[in-house]
Amino acid sequence: MFDVKYKIWLDKDGKAFGQGPYVLLNGVKEKGSLSEAAKSYGISYNKAHTLIKSIEKKLGFPLIIRKTGGAHGGGSELTKEAEELMSRYSMFYSSCEKAINEIFDSYFHDYK
């Protein structure tokens, strides 16, 4: 009958990092391109670029290393700091998800 819904993000004078940026950066990791990651996420390159720049400013470190074009085109790769942030966020999110579902079940098990 009921499901629990939630959003979890890291805050630093406003939203700094959450599922959206995590998915976008994961796309950069998989595709090697912010443009391709943005496309698969359904947003424009400009919006993705602005989002990444905003997050980098809030966090105080770069998330992406940009490679300029040329004969073989450009691309992007994640910084070590971005990889570490994503790893920690993923583990944190999973722990929160498990805890939230356990707490939800303890109160609403008979409403499922």
PDB file of N, CA and C in Angstrom:
ATOM      1  N   MET A   1       0.816  -1.187   0.000  1.00  0.00           N
ATOM      2  CA  MET A   1       0.000   0.000   0.000  1.00  0.00           C
ATOM      3  C   MET A   1       0.869   1.264   0.000  1.00  0.00           C
ATOM      4  N   PHE A   2       1.941   1.285   0.826  1.00  0.00           N
ATOM      5  CA  PHE A   2       2.839   2.431   0.879  1.00  0.00           C
ATOM      6  C   PHE A   2       4.235   2.024   0.434  1.00  0.00           C
ATOM      7  N   ASP A   3       4.923   2.988  -0.142  1.00  0.00           N
ATOM      8  CA  ASP A   3       6.356   2.888  -0.402  1.00  0.00           C
ATOM      9  C   ASP A   3       6.990   4.100   0.252  1.00  0.00           C
ATOM     10  N   VAL A   4       8.246   3.996   0.574  1.00  0.00           N
ATOM     11  CA  VAL A   4       8.960   5.151   1.113  1.00  0.00           C
ATOM     12  C   VAL A   4       9.785   5.766  -0.018  1.00  0.00           C
ATOM     13  N   LYS A   5       9.783   7.097  -0.102  1.00  0.00           N
ATOM     14  CA  LYS A   5      10.547   7.830  -1.109  1.00  0.00           C
ATOM     15  C   LYS A   5      11.472   8.804  -0.379  1.00  0.00           C
ATOM     16  N   TYR A   6      12.627   9.039  -0.945  1.00  0.00           N
ATOM     17  CA  TYR A   6      13.593   9.925  -0.297  1.00  0.00           C
ATOM     18  C   TYR A   6      14.637  10.381  -1.310  1.00  0.00           C
ATOM     19  N   LYS A   7      15.276  11.473  -0.985  1.00  0.00           N
ATOM     20  CA  LYS A   7      16.422  11.967  -1.739  1.00  0.00           C
ATOM     21  C   LYS A   7      17.524  12.236  -0.733  1.00  0.00           C
ATOM     22  N   ILE A   8      18.731  11.865  -1.089  1.00  0.00           N
ATOM     23  CA  ILE A   8      19.864  12.045  -0.191  1.00  0.00           C
ATOM     24  C   ILE A   8      20.957  12.778  -0.956  1.00  0.00           C
ATOM     25  N   TRP A   9      21.411  13.888  -0.392  1.00  0.00           N
ATOM     26  CA  TRP A   9      22.500  14.611  -1.031  1.00  0.00           C
ATOM     27  C   TRP A   9      23.438  15.169   0.023  1.00  0.00           C
ATOM     28  N   LEU A  10      24.620  15.528  -0.427  1.00  0.00           N
ATOM     29  CA  LEU A  10      25.605  16.178   0.422  1.00  0.00           C
ATOM     30  C   LEU A  10      25.409  17.680   0.260  1.00  0.00           C
ATOM     31  N   ASP A  11      25.450  18.403   1.366  1.00  0.00           N
ATOM     32  CA  ASP A  11      25.168  19.825   1.352  1.00  0.00           C
ATOM     33  C   ASP A  11      26.394  20.610   1.824  1.00  0.00           C
ATOM     34  N   LYS A  12      26.697  21.664   1.109  1.00  0.00           N
ATOM     35  CA  LYS A  12      27.773  22.574   1.506  1.00  0.00           C
ATOM     36  C   LYS A  12      27.334  23.963   1.051  1.00  0.00           C
ATOM     37  N   ASP A  13      26.650  24.680   1.948  1.00  0.00           N
ATOM     38  CA  ASP A  13      26.033  25.954   1.592  1.00  0.00           C
ATOM     39  C   ASP A  13      25.094  25.777   0.406  1.00  0.00           C
ATOM     40  N   GLY A  14      24.281  24.757   0.469  1.00  0.00           N
ATOM     41  CA  GLY A  14      23.372  24.391  -0.611  1.00  0.00           C
ATOM     42  C   GLY A  14      23.755  23.024  -1.139  1.00  0.00           C
ATOM     43  N   LYS A  15      22.874  22.472  -1.930  1.00  0.00           N
ATOM     44  CA  LYS A  15      23.094  21.136  -2.480  1.00  0.00           C
ATOM     45  C   LYS A  15      24.414  21.087  -3.247  1.00  0.00           C
ATOM     46  N   ALA A  16      25.279  20.148  -2.854  1.00  0.00           N
ATOM     47  CA  ALA A  16      26.595  20.037  -3.479  1.00  0.00           C
ATOM     48  C   ALA A  16      26.746  18.768  -4.317  1.00  0.00           C
ATOM     49  N   PHE A  17      26.172  17.667  -3.858  1.00  0.00           N
ATOM     50  CA  PHE A  17      26.353  16.408  -4.584  1.00  0.00           C
ATOM     51  C   PHE A  17      25.245  15.442  -4.212  1.00  0.00           C
ATOM     52  N   GLY A  18      24.649  14.811  -5.237  1.00  0.00           N
ATOM     53  CA  GLY A  18      23.584  13.851  -5.010  1.00  0.00           C
ATOM     54  C   GLY A  18      23.526  12.841  -6.138  1.00  0.00           C
ATOM     55  N   GLN A  19      22.387  12.176  -6.266  1.00  0.00           N
ATOM     56  CA  GLN A  19      22.227  11.116  -7.266  1.00  0.00           C
ATOM     57  C   GLN A  19      22.405  11.622  -8.700  1.00  0.00           C
ATOM     58  N   GLY A  20      21.856  12.794  -9.008  1.00  0.00           N
ATOM     59  CA  GLY A  20      21.976  13.328 -10.368  1.00  0.00           C
ATOM     60  C   GLY A  20      23.426  13.493 -10.797  1.00  0.00           C
ATOM     61  N   PRO A  21      24.210  14.264 -10.038  1.00  0.00           N
ATOM     62  CA  PRO A  21      25.621  14.401 -10.381  1.00  0.00           C
ATOM     63  C   PRO A  21      26.371  13.063 -10.363  1.00  0.00           C
ATOM     64  N   TYR A  22      25.989  12.177  -9.443  1.00  0.00           N
ATOM     65  CA  TYR A  22      26.626  10.861  -9.393  1.00  0.00           C
ATOM     66  C   TYR A  22      26.416  10.111 -10.711  1.00  0.00           C
ATOM     67  N   VAL A  23      25.175  10.103 -11.187  1.00  0.00           N
ATOM     68  CA  VAL A  23      24.847   9.412 -12.440  1.00  0.00           C
ATOM     69  C   VAL A  23      25.571  10.069 -13.620  1.00  0.00           C
ATOM     70  N   LEU A  24      25.601  11.401 -13.632  1.00  0.00           N
ATOM     71  CA  LEU A  24      26.286  12.118 -14.705  1.00  0.00           C
ATOM     72  C   LEU A  24      27.779  11.781 -14.721  1.00  0.00           C
ATOM     73  N   LEU A  25      28.420  11.822 -13.566  1.00  0.00           N
ATOM     74  CA  LEU A  25      29.850  11.502 -13.500  1.00  0.00           C
ATOM     75  C   LEU A  25      30.110  10.039 -13.851  1.00  0.00           C
ATOM     76  N   ASN A  26      29.210   9.167 -13.465  1.00  0.00           N
ATOM     77  CA  ASN A  26      29.350   7.763 -13.833  1.00  0.00           C
ATOM     78  C   ASN A  26      29.291   7.612 -15.353  1.00  0.00           C
ATOM     79  N   GLY A  27      28.434   8.411 -16.002  1.00  0.00           N
ATOM     80  CA  GLY A  27      28.359   8.417 -17.457  1.00  0.00           C
ATOM     81  C   GLY A  27      29.656   8.895 -18.086  1.00  0.00           C
ATOM     82  N   VAL A  28      30.279   9.900 -17.486  1.00  0.00           N
ATOM     83  CA  VAL A  28      31.578  10.383 -17.969  1.00  0.00           C
ATOM     84  C   VAL A  28      32.614   9.265 -17.851  1.00  0.00           C
ATOM     85  N   LYS A  29      32.576   8.568 -16.735  1.00  0.00           N
ATOM     86  CA  LYS A  29      33.515   7.460 -16.516  1.00  0.00           C
ATOM     87  C   LYS A  29      33.324   6.372 -17.570  1.00  0.00           C
ATOM     88  N   GLU A  30      32.081   6.031 -17.864  1.00  0.00           N
ATOM     89  CA  GLU A  30      31.782   4.962 -18.817  1.00  0.00           C
ATOM     90  C   GLU A  30      32.024   5.371 -20.268  1.00  0.00           C
ATOM     91  N   LYS A  31      31.652   6.605 -20.608  1.00  0.00           N
ATOM     92  CA  LYS A  31      31.684   7.030 -22.011  1.00  0.00           C
ATOM     93  C   LYS A  31      32.921   7.843 -22.381  1.00  0.00           C
ATOM     94  N   GLY A  32      33.641   8.348 -21.358  1.00  0.00           N
ATOM     95  CA  GLY A  32      34.834   9.133 -21.626  1.00  0.00           C
ATOM     96  C   GLY A  32      34.543  10.510 -22.180  1.00  0.00           C
ATOM     97  N   SER A  33      33.307  10.998 -21.958  1.00  0.00           N
ATOM     98  CA  SER A  33      32.908  12.280 -22.534  1.00  0.00           C
ATOM     99  C   SER A  33      31.764  12.875 -21.729  1.00  0.00           C
ATOM    100  N   LEU A  34      31.908  14.145 -21.347  1.00  0.00           N
ATOM    101  CA  LEU A  34      30.819  14.833 -20.664  1.00  0.00           C
ATOM    102  C   LEU A  34      29.645  15.020 -21.611  1.00  0.00           C
ATOM    103  N   SER A  35      29.935  15.300 -22.867  1.00  0.00           N
ATOM    104  CA  SER A  35      28.886  15.484 -23.866  1.00  0.00           C
ATOM    105  C   SER A  35      28.043  14.217 -24.016  1.00  0.00           C
ATOM    106  N   GLU A  36      28.689  13.072 -24.139  1.00  0.00           N
ATOM    107  CA  GLU A  36      27.965  11.801 -24.280  1.00  0.00           C
ATOM    108  C   GLU A  36      27.218  11.435 -22.997  1.00  0.00           C
ATOM    109  N   ALA A  37      27.835  11.721 -21.854  1.00  0.00           N
ATOM    110  CA  ALA A  37      27.175  11.449 -20.575  1.00  0.00           C
ATOM    111  C   ALA A  37      25.919  12.304 -20.440  1.00  0.00           C
ATOM    112  N   ALA A  38      26.020  13.583 -20.812  1.00  0.00           N
ATOM    113  CA  ALA A  38      24.868  14.485 -20.742  1.00  0.00           C
ATOM    114  C   ALA A  38      23.753  13.995 -21.653  1.00  0.00           C
ATOM    115  N   LYS A  39      24.126  13.584 -22.845  1.00  0.00           N
ATOM    116  CA  LYS A  39      23.148  13.093 -23.819  1.00  0.00           C
ATOM    117  C   LYS A  39      22.396  11.880 -23.261  1.00  0.00           C
ATOM    118  N   SER A  40      23.132  10.949 -22.670  1.00  0.00           N
ATOM    119  CA  SER A  40      22.480   9.743 -22.141  1.00  0.00           C
ATOM    120  C   SER A  40      21.654  10.046 -20.892  1.00  0.00           C
ATOM    121  N   TYR A  41      21.986  11.119 -20.205  1.00  0.00           N
ATOM    122  CA  TYR A  41      21.248  11.537 -19.008  1.00  0.00           C
ATOM    123  C   TYR A  41      20.045  12.404 -19.381  1.00  0.00           C
ATOM    124  N   GLY A  42      19.984  12.833 -20.659  1.00  0.00           N
ATOM    125  CA  GLY A  42      18.849  13.600 -21.130  1.00  0.00           C
ATOM    126  C   GLY A  42      18.936  15.093 -20.858  1.00  0.00           C
ATOM    127  N   ILE A  43      20.160  15.610 -20.707  1.00  0.00           N
ATOM    128  CA  ILE A  43      20.322  17.050 -20.514  1.00  0.00           C
ATOM    129  C   ILE A  43      21.321  17.567 -21.542  1.00  0.00           C
ATOM    130  N   SER A  44      21.315  18.878 -21.735  1.00  0.00           N
ATOM    131  CA  SER A  44      22.239  19.476 -22.696  1.00  0.00           C
ATOM    132  C   SER A  44      23.659  19.472 -22.136  1.00  0.00           C
ATOM    133  N   TYR A  45      24.616  19.552 -23.052  1.00  0.00           N
ATOM    134  CA  TYR A  45      26.015  19.643 -22.639  1.00  0.00           C
ATOM    135  C   TYR A  45      26.215  20.890 -21.786  1.00  0.00           C
ATOM    136  N   ASN A  46      25.594  22.004 -22.187  1.00  0.00           N
ATOM    137  CA  ASN A  46      25.759  23.255 -21.458  1.00  0.00           C
ATOM    138  C   ASN A  46      25.268  23.116 -20.013  1.00  0.00           C
ATOM    139  N   LYS A  47      24.122  22.478 -19.833  1.00  0.00           N
ATOM    140  CA  LYS A  47      23.586  22.278 -18.477  1.00  0.00           C
ATOM    141  C   LYS A  47      24.515  21.373 -17.666  1.00  0.00           C
ATOM    142  N   ALA A  48      25.020  20.313 -18.279  1.00  0.00           N
ATOM    143  CA  ALA A  48      25.930  19.394 -17.590  1.00  0.00           C
ATOM    144  C   ALA A  48      27.223  20.115 -17.204  1.00  0.00           C
ATOM    145  N   HIS A  49      27.758  20.882 -18.132  1.00  0.00           N
ATOM    146  CA  HIS A  49      29.004  21.616 -17.880  1.00  0.00           C
ATOM    147  C   HIS A  49      28.820  22.618 -16.742  1.00  0.00           C
ATOM    148  N   THR A  50      27.704  23.345 -16.764  1.00  0.00           N
ATOM    149  CA  THR A  50      27.401  24.313 -15.709  1.00  0.00           C
ATOM    150  C   THR A  50      27.246  23.619 -14.363  1.00  0.00           C
ATOM    151  N   LEU A  51      26.568  22.481 -14.347  1.00  0.00           N
ATOM    152  CA  LEU A  51      26.379  21.712 -13.118  1.00  0.00           C
ATOM    153  C   LEU A  51      27.721  21.265 -12.545  1.00  0.00           C
ATOM    154  N   ILE A  52      28.570  20.706 -13.384  1.00  0.00           N
ATOM    155  CA  ILE A  52      29.881  20.223 -12.925  1.00  0.00           C
ATOM    156  C   ILE A  52      30.707  21.382 -12.387  1.00  0.00           C
ATOM    157  N   LYS A  53      30.727  22.503 -13.094  1.00  0.00           N
ATOM    158  CA  LYS A  53      31.483  23.677 -12.638  1.00  0.00           C
ATOM    159  C   LYS A  53      30.971  24.170 -11.284  1.00  0.00           C
ATOM    160  N   SER A  54      29.664  24.189 -11.107  1.00  0.00           N
ATOM    161  CA  SER A  54      29.056  24.620  -9.849  1.00  0.00           C
ATOM    162  C   SER A  54      29.453  23.693  -8.699  1.00  0.00           C
ATOM    163  N   ILE A  55      29.418  22.400  -8.958  1.00  0.00           N
ATOM    164  CA  ILE A  55      29.789  21.419  -7.924  1.00  0.00           C
ATOM    165  C   ILE A  55      31.270  21.553  -7.591  1.00  0.00           C
ATOM    166  N   GLU A  56      32.103  21.692  -8.608  1.00  0.00           N
ATOM    167  CA  GLU A  56      33.547  21.841  -8.382  1.00  0.00           C
ATOM    168  C   GLU A  56      33.833  23.062  -7.512  1.00  0.00           C
ATOM    169  N   LYS A  57      33.116  24.147  -7.763  1.00  0.00           N
ATOM    170  CA  LYS A  57      33.304  25.371  -6.982  1.00  0.00           C
ATOM    171  C   LYS A  57      32.918  25.141  -5.520  1.00  0.00           C
ATOM    172  N   LYS A  58      31.790  24.476  -5.295  1.00  0.00           N
ATOM    173  CA  LYS A  58      31.337  24.215  -3.926  1.00  0.00           C
ATOM    174  C   LYS A  58      32.279  23.272  -3.188  1.00  0.00           C
ATOM    175  N   LEU A  59      32.744  22.231  -3.878  1.00  0.00           N
ATOM    176  CA  LEU A  59      33.591  21.233  -3.233  1.00  0.00           C
ATOM    177  C   LEU A  59      35.036  21.681  -3.097  1.00  0.00           C
ATOM    178  N   GLY A  60      35.475  22.567  -3.983  1.00  0.00           N
ATOM    179  CA  GLY A  60      36.846  23.061  -3.898  1.00  0.00           C
ATOM    180  C   GLY A  60      37.873  22.188  -4.590  1.00  0.00           C
ATOM    181  N   PHE A  61      37.412  21.287  -5.448  1.00  0.00           N
ATOM    182  CA  PHE A  61      38.347  20.474  -6.235  1.00  0.00           C
ATOM    183  C   PHE A  61      37.702  20.083  -7.555  1.00  0.00           C
ATOM    184  N   PRO A  62      38.540  19.836  -8.579  1.00  0.00           N
ATOM    185  CA  PRO A  62      37.990  19.457  -9.889  1.00  0.00           C
ATOM    186  C   PRO A  62      37.454  18.023  -9.883  1.00  0.00           C
ATOM    187  N   LEU A  63      36.435  17.809 -10.691  1.00  0.00           N
ATOM    188  CA  LEU A  63      35.838  16.480 -10.835  1.00  0.00           C
ATOM    189  C   LEU A  63      36.226  15.819 -12.150  1.00  0.00           C
ATOM    190  N   ILE A  64      36.487  16.647 -13.147  1.00  0.00           N
ATOM    191  CA  ILE A  64      36.744  16.136 -14.498  1.00  0.00           C
ATOM    192  C   ILE A  64      38.021  16.753 -15.060  1.00  0.00           C
ATOM    193  N   ILE A  65      38.793  15.923 -15.734  1.00  0.00           N
ATOM    194  CA  ILE A  65      39.933  16.390 -16.516  1.00  0.00           C
ATOM    195  C   ILE A  65      39.462  16.397 -17.962  1.00  0.00           C
ATOM    196  N   ARG A  66      39.487  17.573 -18.563  1.00  0.00           N
ATOM    197  CA  ARG A  66      39.018  17.727 -19.939  1.00  0.00           C
ATOM    198  C   ARG A  66      40.187  17.619 -20.900  1.00  0.00           C
ATOM    199  N   LYS A  67      39.982  16.865 -21.966  1.00  0.00           N
ATOM    200  CA  LYS A  67      40.988  16.726 -23.014  1.00  0.00           C
ATOM    201  C   LYS A  67      40.462  17.456 -24.243  1.00  0.00           C
ATOM    202  N   THR A  68      41.283  18.329 -24.807  1.00  0.00           N
ATOM    203  CA  THR A  68      40.832  19.076 -25.984  1.00  0.00           C
ATOM    204  C   THR A  68      40.775  18.161 -27.196  1.00  0.00           C
ATOM    205  N   GLY A  69      40.058  18.624 -28.219  1.00  0.00           N
ATOM    206  CA  GLY A  69      39.831  17.848 -29.445  1.00  0.00           C
ATOM    207  C   GLY A  69      41.103  17.500 -30.190  1.00  0.00           C
ATOM    208  N   GLY A  70      41.023  17.535 -31.468  1.00  0.00           N
ATOM    209  CA  GLY A  70      42.140  17.132 -32.303  1.00  0.00           C
ATOM    210  C   GLY A  70      41.669  16.089 -33.286  1.00  0.00           C
ATOM    211  N   ALA A  71      42.610  15.400 -33.879  1.00  0.00           N
ATOM    212  CA  ALA A  71      42.288  14.399 -34.899  1.00  0.00           C
ATOM    213  C   ALA A  71      41.368  13.299 -34.369  1.00  0.00           C
ATOM    214  N   HIS A  72      41.558  12.937 -33.109  1.00  0.00           N
ATOM    215  CA  HIS A  72      40.766  11.839 -32.532  1.00  0.00           C
ATOM    216  C   HIS A  72      39.686  12.340 -31.581  1.00  0.00           C
ATOM    217  N   GLY A  73      39.445  13.643 -31.582  1.00  0.00           N
ATOM    218  CA  GLY A  73      38.409  14.206 -30.715  1.00  0.00           C
ATOM    219  C   GLY A  73      38.897  14.371 -29.294  1.00  0.00           C
ATOM    220  N   GLY A  74      38.115  15.071 -28.509  1.00  0.00           N
ATOM    221  CA  GLY A  74      38.466  15.305 -27.112  1.00  0.00           C
ATOM    222  C   GLY A  74      37.856  14.245 -26.228  1.00  0.00           C
ATOM    223  N   GLY A  75      37.687  14.589 -24.988  1.00  0.00           N
ATOM    224  CA  GLY A  75      37.085  13.660 -24.053  1.00  0.00           C
ATOM    225  C   GLY A  75      37.243  14.169 -22.637  1.00  0.00           C
ATOM    226  N   SER A  76      36.789  13.400 -21.714  1.00  0.00           N
ATOM    227  CA  SER A  76      36.870  13.745 -20.297  1.00  0.00           C
ATOM    228  C   SER A  76      37.130  12.489 -19.493  1.00  0.00           C
ATOM    229  N   GLU A  77      37.815  12.681 -18.390  1.00  0.00           N
ATOM    230  CA  GLU A  77      37.983  11.589 -17.432  1.00  0.00           C
ATOM    231  C   GLU A  77      37.846  12.145 -16.031  1.00  0.00           C
ATOM    232  N   LEU A  78      37.512  11.290 -15.099  1.00  0.00           N
ATOM    233  CA  LEU A  78      37.310  11.719 -13.721  1.00  0.00           C
ATOM    234  C   LEU A  78      38.645  11.894 -13.012  1.00  0.00           C
ATOM    235  N   THR A  79      38.682  12.860 -12.107  1.00  0.00           N
ATOM    236  CA  THR A  79      39.859  13.039 -11.265  1.00  0.00           C
ATOM    237  C   THR A  79      39.839  11.971 -10.171  1.00  0.00           C
ATOM    238  N   LYS A  80      40.962  11.807  -9.499  1.00  0.00           N
ATOM    239  CA  LYS A  80      41.025  10.864  -8.373  1.00  0.00           C
ATOM    240  C   LYS A  80      40.050  11.285  -7.278  1.00  0.00           C
ATOM    241  N   GLU A  81      39.928  12.598  -7.068  1.00  0.00           N
ATOM    242  CA  GLU A  81      39.002  13.107  -6.051  1.00  0.00           C
ATOM    243  C   GLU A  81      37.555  12.764  -6.405  1.00  0.00           C
ATOM    244  N   ALA A  82      37.222  12.862  -7.678  1.00  0.00           N
ATOM    245  CA  ALA A  82      35.863  12.512  -8.109  1.00  0.00           C
ATOM    246  C   ALA A  82      35.602  11.025  -7.906  1.00  0.00           C
ATOM    247  N   GLU A  83      36.579  10.208  -8.247  1.00  0.00           N
ATOM    248  CA  GLU A  83      36.444   8.747  -8.054  1.00  0.00           C
ATOM    249  C   GLU A  83      36.222   8.425  -6.580  1.00  0.00           C
ATOM    250  N   GLU A  84      36.974   9.079  -5.706  1.00  0.00           N
ATOM    251  CA  GLU A  84      36.851   8.842  -4.261  1.00  0.00           C
ATOM    252  C   GLU A  84      35.500   9.322  -3.751  1.00  0.00           C
ATOM    253  N   LEU A  85      35.072  10.498  -4.188  1.00  0.00           N
ATOM    254  CA  LEU A  85      33.766  11.025  -3.791  1.00  0.00           C
ATOM    255  C   LEU A  85      32.653  10.089  -4.227  1.00  0.00           C
ATOM    256  N   MET A  86      32.719   9.620  -5.455  1.00  0.00           N
ATOM    257  CA  MET A  86      31.687   8.721  -5.967  1.00  0.00           C
ATOM    258  C   MET A  86      31.662   7.404  -5.199  1.00  0.00           C
ATOM    259  N   SER A  87      32.821   6.881  -4.888  1.00  0.00           N
ATOM    260  CA  SER A  87      32.897   5.629  -4.138  1.00  0.00           C
ATOM    261  C   SER A  87      32.272   5.792  -2.753  1.00  0.00           C
ATOM    262  N   ARG A  88      32.660   6.849  -2.062  1.00  0.00           N
ATOM    263  CA  ARG A  88      32.115   7.084  -0.721  1.00  0.00           C
ATOM    264  C   ARG A  88      30.616   7.367  -0.773  1.00  0.00           C
ATOM    265  N   TYR A  89      30.190   8.187  -1.749  1.00  0.00           N
ATOM    266  CA  TYR A  89      28.768   8.516  -1.860  1.00  0.00           C
ATOM    267  C   TYR A  89      27.951   7.251  -2.142  1.00  0.00           C
ATOM    268  N   SER A  90      28.453   6.400  -3.007  1.00  0.00           N
ATOM    269  CA  SER A  90      27.740   5.166  -3.345  1.00  0.00           C
ATOM    270  C   SER A  90      27.566   4.272  -2.110  1.00  0.00           C
ATOM    271  N   MET A  91      28.625   4.116  -1.343  1.00  0.00           N
ATOM    272  CA  MET A  91      28.542   3.293  -0.123  1.00  0.00           C
ATOM    273  C   MET A  91      27.616   3.939   0.905  1.00  0.00           C
ATOM    274  N   PHE A  92      27.734   5.266   1.066  1.00  0.00           N
ATOM    275  CA  PHE A  92      26.882   6.006   1.988  1.00  0.00           C
ATOM    276  C   PHE A  92      25.416   5.876   1.585  1.00  0.00           C
ATOM    277  N   TYR A  93      25.133   6.060   0.299  1.00  0.00           N
ATOM    278  CA  TYR A  93      23.765   5.984  -0.202  1.00  0.00           C
ATOM    279  C   TYR A  93      23.183   4.588   0.042  1.00  0.00           C
ATOM    280  N   SER A  94      23.966   3.568  -0.233  1.00  0.00           N
ATOM    281  CA  SER A  94      23.502   2.192  -0.011  1.00  0.00           C
ATOM    282  C   SER A  94      23.192   1.938   1.454  1.00  0.00           C
ATOM    283  N   SER A  95      24.042   2.434   2.342  1.00  0.00           N
ATOM    284  CA  SER A  95      23.804   2.270   3.779  1.00  0.00           C
ATOM    285  C   SER A  95      22.544   3.002   4.207  1.00  0.00           C
ATOM    286  N   CYS A  96      22.356   4.227   3.696  1.00  0.00           N
ATOM    287  CA  CYS A  96      21.155   4.997   4.020  1.00  0.00           C
ATOM    288  C   CYS A  96      19.907   4.290   3.504  1.00  0.00           C
ATOM    289  N   GLU A  97      19.985   3.794   2.273  1.00  0.00           N
ATOM    290  CA  GLU A  97      18.855   3.093   1.662  1.00  0.00           C
ATOM    291  C   GLU A  97      18.453   1.883   2.500  1.00  0.00           C
ATOM    292  N   LYS A  98      19.434   1.116   2.930  1.00  0.00           N
ATOM    293  CA  LYS A  98      19.170  -0.063   3.757  1.00  0.00           C
ATOM    294  C   LYS A  98      18.536   0.346   5.084  1.00  0.00           C
ATOM    295  N   ALA A  99      19.101   1.350   5.733  1.00  0.00           N
ATOM    296  CA  ALA A  99      18.575   1.796   7.025  1.00  0.00           C
ATOM    297  C   ALA A  99      17.158   2.350   6.891  1.00  0.00           C
ATOM    298  N   ILE A 100      16.932   3.165   5.877  1.00  0.00           N
ATOM    299  CA  ILE A 100      15.598   3.747   5.676  1.00  0.00           C
ATOM    300  C   ILE A 100      14.566   2.646   5.445  1.00  0.00           C
ATOM    301  N   ASN A 101      14.914   1.664   4.622  1.00  0.00           N
ATOM    302  CA  ASN A 101      13.965   0.578   4.346  1.00  0.00           C
ATOM    303  C   ASN A 101      13.700  -0.281   5.580  1.00  0.00           C
ATOM    304  N   GLU A 102      14.720  -0.513   6.379  1.00  0.00           N
ATOM    305  CA  GLU A 102      14.526  -1.272   7.618  1.00  0.00           C
ATOM    306  C   GLU A 102      13.626  -0.515   8.588  1.00  0.00           C
ATOM    307  N   ILE A 103      13.854   0.777   8.730  1.00  0.00           N
ATOM    308  CA  ILE A 103      13.024   1.596   9.619  1.00  0.00           C
ATOM    309  C   ILE A 103      11.593   1.662   9.087  1.00  0.00           C
ATOM    310  N   PHE A 104      11.457   1.868   7.786  1.00  0.00           N
ATOM    311  CA  PHE A 104      10.131   1.898   7.165  1.00  0.00           C
ATOM    312  C   PHE A 104       9.390   0.589   7.438  1.00  0.00           C
ATOM    313  N   ASP A 105      10.061  -0.531   7.208  1.00  0.00           N
ATOM    314  CA  ASP A 105       9.439  -1.837   7.439  1.00  0.00           C
ATOM    315  C   ASP A 105       9.031  -2.023   8.895  1.00  0.00           C
ATOM    316  N   SER A 106       9.818  -1.504   9.829  1.00  0.00           N
ATOM    317  CA  SER A 106       9.478  -1.674  11.243  1.00  0.00           C
ATOM    318  C   SER A 106       8.203  -0.915  11.625  1.00  0.00           C
ATOM    319  N   TYR A 107       7.883   0.144  10.918  1.00  0.00           N
ATOM    320  CA  TYR A 107       6.685   0.926  11.221  1.00  0.00           C
ATOM    321  C   TYR A 107       5.502   0.629  10.313  1.00  0.00           C
ATOM    322  N   PHE A 108       5.775   0.239   9.069  1.00  0.00           N
ATOM    323  CA  PHE A 108       4.694   0.095   8.088  1.00  0.00           C
ATOM    324  C   PHE A 108       4.650  -1.286   7.442  1.00  0.00           C
ATOM    325  N   HIS A 109       5.199  -2.295   8.074  1.00  0.00           N
ATOM    326  CA  HIS A 109       5.217  -3.653   7.499  1.00  0.00           C
ATOM    327  C   HIS A 109       3.835  -4.155   7.151  1.00  0.00           C
ATOM    328  N   ASP A 110       2.849  -3.768   7.907  1.00  0.00           N
ATOM    329  CA  ASP A 110       1.482  -4.231   7.663  1.00  0.00           C
ATOM    330  C   ASP A 110       0.734  -3.361   6.649  1.00  0.00           C
ATOM    331  N   TYR A 111       1.381  -2.359   6.089  1.00  0.00           N
ATOM    332  CA  TYR A 111       0.778  -1.498   5.072  1.00  0.00           C
ATOM    333  C   TYR A 111       1.331  -1.779   3.685  1.00  0.00           C
ATOM    334  N   LYS A 112       2.141  -2.798   3.555  1.00  0.00           N
ATOM    335  CA  LYS A 112       2.755  -3.101   2.247  1.00  0.00           C
ATOM    336  C   LYS A 112       1.833  -3.905   1.381  1.00  0.00           C
TER     337      LYS A 112
END
